[in-house]
C-alpha cells in the first residue's frame, strides 16, 4: 500500500454495516497505516472528519486524477 508522499489515497465505500459515519458510494480519504492493513483494516477519514479504522472489505481503493484529488482536498 506504499504510495508516493505526493499522492493521496482514496477509497470508495461499498459497505457501511453498523457504521453511522460512512456513506455507501462515497469516496473517502485514506491515511496510510501499514499495521492496520496487516490486520485487514483501512484508516479512513470519515464523516466526523476524524480518522478511524474500518474493515478493508468495506472499501475499494481507487486512483483519482490529480485534479479530482485536489478538489476532494478543498472540499474537506
N, C-alpha and C. Protein backbone atom coordinates (compact mmCIF):
# COMPACT_ATOMS: atom_id res chain seq x y z
N UNK A 1 0.82 -1.19 0.00
CA UNK A 1 0.00 0.00 0.00
C UNK A 1 0.86 1.25 0.00
N UNK A 2 2.14 1.13 -0.11
CA UNK A 2 3.03 2.28 -0.11
C UNK A 2 2.83 3.09 -1.38
N UNK A 3 2.64 4.37 -1.21
CA UNK A 3 2.48 5.30 -2.33
C UNK A 3 3.44 6.45 -2.13
N UNK A 4 3.65 7.23 -3.18
CA UNK A 4 4.45 8.43 -3.07
C UNK A 4 3.77 9.40 -2.11
N UNK A 5 4.57 10.17 -1.39
CA UNK A 5 4.02 11.13 -0.44
C UNK A 5 3.13 12.17 -1.09
N UNK A 6 3.35 12.45 -2.38
CA UNK A 6 2.56 13.46 -3.06
C UNK A 6 1.19 12.94 -3.48
N UNK A 7 1.03 11.64 -3.52
CA UNK A 7 -0.24 11.05 -3.92
C UNK A 7 -1.11 10.79 -2.71
N UNK A 8 -2.37 11.15 -2.83
CA UNK A 8 -3.33 10.85 -1.79
C UNK A 8 -3.97 9.51 -2.10
N UNK A 9 -4.34 8.80 -1.07
CA UNK A 9 -5.06 7.54 -1.24
C UNK A 9 -6.54 7.78 -1.01
N UNK A 10 -7.35 7.17 -1.86
CA UNK A 10 -8.80 7.30 -1.75
C UNK A 10 -9.45 5.94 -1.88
N UNK A 11 -10.61 5.81 -1.25
CA UNK A 11 -11.34 4.54 -1.29
C UNK A 11 -12.83 4.82 -1.44
N UNK A 12 -13.48 3.98 -2.23
CA UNK A 12 -14.92 4.05 -2.44
C UNK A 12 -15.58 3.11 -1.43
N UNK A 13 -16.52 3.64 -0.66
CA UNK A 13 -17.24 2.83 0.33
C UNK A 13 -18.28 1.96 -0.39
N UNK A 14 -18.20 0.65 -0.17
CA UNK A 14 -19.16 -0.27 -0.79
C UNK A 14 -20.02 -0.97 0.26
N UNK A 15 -19.72 -0.72 1.55
CA UNK A 15 -20.49 -1.31 2.64
C UNK A 15 -20.35 -0.40 3.87
N UNK A 16 -21.43 -0.27 4.63
CA UNK A 16 -21.37 0.57 5.83
C UNK A 16 -22.12 -0.05 7.01
N UNK A 17 -22.18 -1.36 7.01
CA UNK A 17 -22.89 -2.11 8.04
C UNK A 17 -22.44 -1.67 9.44
N UNK A 18 -23.41 -1.17 10.23
CA UNK A 18 -23.17 -0.73 11.60
C UNK A 18 -22.16 0.41 11.71
N UNK A 19 -21.99 1.21 10.67
CA UNK A 19 -21.06 2.33 10.69
C UNK A 19 -21.81 3.61 10.31
N UNK A 20 -22.25 4.35 11.30
CA UNK A 20 -23.03 5.56 11.04
C UNK A 20 -22.24 6.66 10.37
N UNK A 21 -20.91 6.63 10.49
CA UNK A 21 -20.09 7.69 9.92
C UNK A 21 -19.57 7.38 8.52
N UNK A 22 -20.16 6.39 7.86
CA UNK A 22 -19.81 6.07 6.48
C UNK A 22 -21.05 6.09 5.60
N UNK A 23 -20.88 6.57 4.38
CA UNK A 23 -21.96 6.55 3.39
C UNK A 23 -21.53 5.67 2.23
N UNK A 24 -22.40 4.74 1.85
CA UNK A 24 -22.12 3.91 0.67
C UNK A 24 -21.99 4.80 -0.56
N UNK A 25 -21.15 4.38 -1.48
CA UNK A 25 -20.93 5.05 -2.77
C UNK A 25 -20.24 6.40 -2.63
N UNK A 26 -19.64 6.68 -1.49
CA UNK A 26 -18.91 7.92 -1.28
C UNK A 26 -17.42 7.61 -1.26
N UNK A 27 -16.63 8.55 -1.75
CA UNK A 27 -15.18 8.41 -1.77
C UNK A 27 -14.61 9.07 -0.51
N UNK A 28 -13.74 8.34 0.16
CA UNK A 28 -13.11 8.82 1.39
C UNK A 28 -11.59 8.84 1.23
N UNK A 29 -10.96 9.76 1.97
CA UNK A 29 -9.50 9.79 2.02
C UNK A 29 -9.03 8.67 2.95
N UNK A 30 -7.90 8.09 2.59
CA UNK A 30 -7.30 7.02 3.37
C UNK A 30 -5.97 7.53 3.92
N UNK A 31 -5.77 7.33 5.20
CA UNK A 31 -4.47 7.64 5.80
C UNK A 31 -3.65 6.36 5.80
N UNK A 32 -2.44 6.40 5.28
CA UNK A 32 -1.60 5.20 5.25
C UNK A 32 -1.36 4.67 6.67
N UNK A 33 -1.54 3.38 6.85
CA UNK A 33 -1.32 2.72 8.14
C UNK A 33 -1.03 1.25 7.85
N UNK A 34 0.24 0.94 7.71
CA UNK A 34 0.64 -0.42 7.34
C UNK A 34 0.23 -1.46 8.38
N UNK A 35 0.25 -1.09 9.64
CA UNK A 35 -0.14 -2.03 10.70
C UNK A 35 -1.63 -2.37 10.60
N UNK A 36 -2.45 -1.37 10.30
CA UNK A 36 -3.89 -1.61 10.14
C UNK A 36 -4.16 -2.53 8.96
N UNK A 37 -3.45 -2.31 7.86
CA UNK A 37 -3.63 -3.13 6.66
C UNK A 37 -3.29 -4.59 6.96
N UNK A 38 -2.25 -4.80 7.75
CA UNK A 38 -1.87 -6.18 8.11
C UNK A 38 -3.00 -6.89 8.86
N UNK A 39 -3.82 -6.12 9.56
CA UNK A 39 -4.93 -6.67 10.34
C UNK A 39 -6.25 -6.68 9.56
N UNK A 40 -6.22 -6.18 8.29
CA UNK A 40 -7.42 -6.19 7.46
C UNK A 40 -8.27 -4.93 7.58
N UNK A 41 -7.65 -3.81 7.99
CA UNK A 41 -8.37 -2.55 8.16
C UNK A 41 -7.73 -1.43 7.35
N UNK A 42 -8.53 -0.40 7.09
CA UNK A 42 -8.03 0.84 6.50
C UNK A 42 -8.32 1.98 7.46
N UNK A 43 -7.41 2.94 7.51
CA UNK A 43 -7.63 4.14 8.33
C UNK A 43 -8.29 5.17 7.42
N UNK A 44 -9.58 5.41 7.66
CA UNK A 44 -10.41 6.26 6.81
C UNK A 44 -10.77 7.55 7.54
N UNK A 45 -10.73 8.66 6.82
CA UNK A 45 -11.25 9.91 7.37
C UNK A 45 -12.73 9.92 7.04
N UNK A 46 -13.56 9.72 8.06
CA UNK A 46 -15.00 9.52 7.84
C UNK A 46 -15.78 10.83 7.95
N UNK A 47 -17.09 10.70 8.04
CA UNK A 47 -17.99 11.87 8.09
C UNK A 47 -17.75 12.76 9.31
N UNK A 48 -17.17 12.22 10.35
CA UNK A 48 -16.89 13.02 11.54
C UNK A 48 -15.68 13.92 11.33
N UNK A 49 -14.91 13.65 10.27
CA UNK A 49 -13.70 14.42 10.00
C UNK A 49 -12.47 13.83 10.67
N UNK A 50 -12.66 12.79 11.45
CA UNK A 50 -11.56 12.11 12.14
C UNK A 50 -11.22 10.82 11.39
N UNK A 51 -10.02 10.30 11.65
CA UNK A 51 -9.67 9.04 11.02
C UNK A 51 -9.89 7.89 12.00
N UNK A 52 -10.52 6.84 11.48
CA UNK A 52 -10.83 5.64 12.25
C UNK A 52 -10.54 4.41 11.41
N UNK A 53 -10.38 3.29 12.08
CA UNK A 53 -10.17 2.03 11.37
C UNK A 53 -11.50 1.41 11.00
N UNK A 54 -11.60 0.98 9.74
CA UNK A 54 -12.78 0.28 9.24
C UNK A 54 -12.30 -0.95 8.49
N UNK A 55 -13.15 -1.98 8.41
CA UNK A 55 -12.75 -3.18 7.67
C UNK A 55 -12.40 -2.84 6.21
N UNK A 56 -11.30 -3.38 5.77
CA UNK A 56 -10.84 -3.14 4.40
C UNK A 56 -11.89 -3.60 3.39
N UNK A 57 -12.67 -4.61 3.75
CA UNK A 57 -13.69 -5.16 2.84
C UNK A 57 -14.83 -4.18 2.58
N UNK A 58 -14.92 -3.11 3.35
CA UNK A 58 -15.96 -2.10 3.16
C UNK A 58 -15.60 -1.12 2.05
N UNK A 59 -14.39 -1.24 1.48
CA UNK A 59 -13.89 -0.26 0.53
C UNK A 59 -13.21 -0.89 -0.67
N UNK A 60 -13.16 -0.11 -1.74
CA UNK A 60 -12.36 -0.42 -2.91
C UNK A 60 -11.44 0.77 -3.11
N UNK A 61 -10.14 0.52 -3.11
CA UNK A 61 -9.20 1.62 -3.35
C UNK A 61 -9.35 2.10 -4.79
N UNK A 62 -9.32 3.41 -4.98
CA UNK A 62 -9.48 3.99 -6.31
C UNK A 62 -8.35 4.97 -6.59
N UNK A 63 -7.95 5.03 -7.84
CA UNK A 63 -6.96 6.01 -8.28
C UNK A 63 -7.72 7.16 -8.92
N UNK A 64 -7.44 8.35 -8.47
CA UNK A 64 -8.11 9.53 -9.00
C UNK A 64 -7.11 10.44 -9.69
N UNK A 65 -7.54 11.12 -10.74
CA UNK A 65 -6.66 12.11 -11.38
C UNK A 65 -6.31 13.21 -10.38
N UNK A 66 -5.17 13.83 -10.56
CA UNK A 66 -4.70 14.89 -9.66
C UNK A 66 -5.77 15.97 -9.45
N UNK A 67 -6.46 16.35 -10.49
CA UNK A 67 -7.49 17.40 -10.39
C UNK A 67 -8.61 16.97 -9.42
N UNK A 68 -9.02 15.72 -9.50
CA UNK A 68 -10.05 15.20 -8.60
C UNK A 68 -9.53 15.13 -7.17
N UNK A 69 -8.28 14.72 -6.99
CA UNK A 69 -7.69 14.68 -5.66
C UNK A 69 -7.67 16.08 -5.03
N UNK A 70 -7.26 17.06 -5.82
CA UNK A 70 -7.22 18.44 -5.34
C UNK A 70 -8.61 18.93 -4.95
N UNK A 71 -9.61 18.60 -5.76
CA UNK A 71 -10.99 19.03 -5.48
C UNK A 71 -11.49 18.40 -4.18
N UNK A 72 -11.18 17.14 -3.96
CA UNK A 72 -11.61 16.47 -2.72
C UNK A 72 -10.88 17.04 -1.51
N UNK A 73 -9.66 17.45 -1.67
CA UNK A 73 -8.91 18.06 -0.56
C UNK A 73 -9.54 19.39 -0.16
N UNK A 74 -9.92 20.19 -1.13
CA UNK A 74 -10.52 21.50 -0.88
C UNK A 74 -11.89 21.35 -0.25
N UNK A 75 -12.62 20.32 -0.63
CA UNK A 75 -13.99 20.10 -0.14
C UNK A 75 -14.02 19.68 1.31
N UNK A 76 -12.93 19.26 1.88
CA UNK A 76 -12.91 18.77 3.28
C UNK A 76 -12.73 19.87 4.26
